[in-house]
Amino acid sequence: MKTKVLSLCALLFLAGGLAIGQEPAPAPRAQPGPMHGPQPGQDPLGRNFYPPELVMQHQEEISLSDEQKTYLRSEIRQAQTSFTDLQWKLQDEAEKMMALVKQQKVDEQQVLGQLEKVLAAEREIKRAQITLLVRIKNKLTAEQRAKLDELRGKMENR
């Protein structure tokens, strides 16, 4: 099963640059000018959010309140449950796709229909990820966000 899923991931990655369940890579500090667009390896969207791990690692340094900690624990717990369910769904759809493409004669319409299901599952995962990141960011104060930006910058310069 793992081999099938890995094969599908490789197939999708080669076909369209898709990476199932991949977390965005941290972006380098320097931001490109408006005329040049993002540089390779940069994640301008992710750069504006704070991953749960970063917030948890620095909770004392940014002075998270008890109320913030309780809220974030709850949101992260809910997201983890959702991610698990969505990953199961994605794996199921990916396995169905692999079964279709392994046939000697591949039915293009069936494969494209199944691809839509795989992409829909990926979209649900990304939506859940962004939802969590937005909720984390919105719960932090301006001072906490500034401190996390500073800490992230120090970590990237190492």
Protein backbone atom coordinates (compact mmCIF):
# COMPACT_ATOMS: atom_id res chain seq x y z
CA MET A 1 0.00 0.00 0.00
CA LYS A 2 2.76 2.44 0.92
CA THR A 3 4.54 1.70 -2.36
CA LYS A 4 1.35 2.42 -4.30
CA VAL A 5 0.84 5.73 -2.54
CA LEU A 6 4.47 6.72 -2.99
CA SER A 7 4.23 5.82 -6.68
CA LEU A 8 1.14 7.97 -7.03
CA CYS A 9 2.81 10.84 -5.22
CA ALA A 10 5.79 10.60 -7.58
CA LEU A 11 3.45 10.43 -10.57
CA LEU A 12 1.48 13.47 -9.44
CA PHE A 13 4.63 15.38 -8.55
CA LEU A 14 6.15 14.74 -11.97
CA ALA A 15 2.89 15.48 -13.76
CA GLY A 16 2.11 18.77 -12.09
CA GLY A 17 4.43 19.56 -9.23
CA LEU A 18 1.92 18.30 -6.67
CA ALA A 19 3.11 17.07 -3.30
CA ILE A 20 0.47 15.27 -1.26
CA GLY A 21 0.41 16.41 2.36
CA GLN A 22 3.66 18.34 2.10
CA GLU A 23 4.14 21.22 4.48
CA PRO A 24 5.37 24.47 2.96
CA ALA A 25 9.11 24.97 3.19
CA PRO A 26 10.30 27.91 5.27
CA ALA A 27 11.16 30.87 3.11
CA PRO A 28 14.49 32.69 3.15
CA ARG A 29 14.43 36.11 4.82
CA ALA A 30 14.91 38.35 1.80
CA GLN A 31 11.70 39.13 -0.02
CA PRO A 32 11.80 39.76 -3.78
CA GLY A 33 10.72 43.02 -5.28
CA PRO A 34 7.26 43.32 -6.82
CA MET A 35 8.64 43.11 -10.35
CA HIS A 36 10.41 39.78 -9.87
CA GLY A 37 7.91 37.53 -8.04
CA PRO A 38 8.86 34.90 -5.47
CA GLN A 39 12.30 33.38 -5.67
CA PRO A 40 12.70 29.58 -5.74
CA GLY A 41 12.28 28.04 -2.29
CA GLN A 42 10.29 30.98 -0.91
CA ASP A 43 6.79 30.62 0.42
CA PRO A 44 5.27 34.12 0.53
CA LEU A 45 1.95 32.80 1.87
CA GLY A 46 3.52 30.70 4.63
CA ARG A 47 5.81 33.57 5.52
CA ASN A 48 2.80 35.43 6.88
CA PHE A 49 1.70 32.65 9.21
CA TYR A 50 3.06 31.02 12.36
CA PRO A 51 3.22 27.21 12.41
CA PRO A 52 1.94 25.61 15.61
CA GLU A 53 5.42 24.22 16.33
CA LEU A 54 6.96 27.71 16.26
CA VAL A 55 4.34 29.08 18.64
CA MET A 56 4.66 26.11 21.02
CA GLN A 57 8.48 26.25 21.03
CA HIS A 58 8.45 29.92 21.99
CA GLN A 59 5.32 30.16 24.15
CA GLU A 60 7.25 31.54 27.13
CA GLU A 61 9.28 34.00 25.07
CA ILE A 62 6.15 35.47 23.49
CA SER A 63 4.22 35.37 26.79
CA LEU A 64 1.23 33.33 25.67
CA SER A 65 -1.63 33.77 28.13
CA ASP A 66 -3.40 30.78 29.65
CA GLU A 67 -6.47 31.65 27.57
CA GLN A 68 -4.38 31.68 24.37
CA LYS A 69 -2.76 28.34 25.27
CA THR A 70 -6.15 26.75 25.91
CA TYR A 71 -7.55 28.10 22.65
CA LEU A 72 -4.53 27.00 20.61
CA ARG A 73 -4.48 23.52 22.16
CA SER A 74 -8.14 23.09 21.26
CA GLU A 75 -7.69 24.32 17.70
CA ILE A 76 -4.60 22.18 17.13
CA ARG A 77 -6.33 19.10 18.56
CA GLN A 78 -9.34 19.62 16.28
CA ALA A 79 -7.07 20.16 13.28
CA GLN A 80 -5.09 16.99 13.99
CA THR A 81 -8.30 14.96 14.08
CA SER A 82 -9.42 16.56 10.84
CA PHE A 83 -6.03 15.98 9.19
CA THR A 84 -6.12 12.30 10.11
CA ASP A 85 -9.56 11.86 8.58
CA LEU A 86 -8.57 13.80 5.47
CA GLN A 87 -5.35 11.80 5.06
CA TRP A 88 -7.36 8.57 5.15
CA LYS A 89 -9.65 9.96 2.49
CA LEU A 90 -6.69 11.07 0.36
CA GLN A 91 -5.01 7.66 0.68
CA ASP A 92 -8.22 5.93 -0.38
CA GLU A 93 -8.64 8.12 -3.45
CA ALA A 94 -4.93 7.77 -4.32
CA GLU A 95 -5.15 3.97 -4.17
CA LYS A 96 -8.15 4.02 -6.49
CA MET A 97 -6.17 6.20 -8.90
CA MET A 98 -3.25 3.77 -8.82
CA ALA A 99 -5.55 0.86 -9.63
CA LEU A 100 -6.84 2.74 -12.66
CA VAL A 101 -3.42 3.68 -14.06
CA LYS A 102 -2.01 0.18 -13.58
CA GLN A 103 -4.44 -1.31 -16.08
CA GLN A 104 -3.05 -2.31 -19.50
CA LYS A 105 -5.48 0.03 -21.23
CA VAL A 106 -6.18 3.14 -19.19
CA ASP A 107 -9.59 4.78 -19.39
CA GLU A 108 -8.75 8.46 -19.66
CA GLN A 109 -12.12 9.68 -18.40
CA GLN A 110 -12.02 7.40 -15.35
CA VAL A 111 -8.48 8.53 -14.52
CA LEU A 112 -9.36 12.20 -14.91
CA GLY A 113 -12.48 11.73 -12.79
CA GLN A 114 -10.43 10.01 -10.09
CA LEU A 115 -7.78 12.72 -10.34
CA GLU A 116 -10.48 15.26 -9.50
CA LYS A 117 -11.25 13.27 -6.33
CA VAL A 118 -7.56 13.19 -5.37
CA LEU A 119 -7.22 16.92 -5.99
CA ALA A 120 -10.41 17.62 -4.01
CA ALA A 121 -8.99 15.67 -1.05
CA GLU A 122 -5.73 17.63 -1.30
CA ARG A 123 -7.70 20.88 -1.45
CA GLU A 124 -9.58 19.92 1.74
CA ILE A 125 -6.27 19.28 3.50
CA LYS A 126 -4.82 22.62 2.39
CA ARG A 127 -8.01 24.40 3.44
CA ALA A 128 -7.81 22.83 6.91
CA GLN A 129 -4.14 23.81 7.16
CA ILE A 130 -4.79 27.43 6.22
CA THR A 131 -7.78 27.58 8.57
CA LEU A 132 -5.59 26.52 11.48
CA LEU A 133 -2.84 28.98 10.54
CA VAL A 134 -5.32 31.86 10.28
CA ARG A 135 -6.80 31.03 13.68
CA ILE A 136 -3.35 30.87 15.26
CA LYS A 137 -2.31 34.20 13.76
CA ASN A 138 -5.55 35.90 14.76
CA LYS A 139 -5.18 34.77 18.37
CA LEU A 140 -1.70 36.30 18.71
CA THR A 141 -1.16 39.94 19.63
CA ALA A 142 0.84 42.29 17.42
CA GLU A 143 3.71 42.10 19.92
CA GLN A 144 3.67 38.29 19.90
CA ARG A 145 3.68 38.21 16.09
CA ALA A 146 6.59 40.65 15.97
CA LYS A 147 8.55 38.53 18.47
CA LEU A 148 7.86 35.36 16.46
CA ASP A 149 9.01 37.12 13.28
CA GLU A 150 12.21 38.10 15.07
CA LEU A 151 12.75 34.56 16.40
CA ARG A 152 12.05 33.03 12.99
CA GLY A 153 14.55 35.41 11.40
CA LYS A 154 17.24 34.40 13.90
CA MET A 155 16.56 30.71 13.23
CA GLU A 156 16.81 31.22 9.46
CA ASN A 157 20.13 33.06 9.77
CA ARG A 158 21.76 30.12 11.51
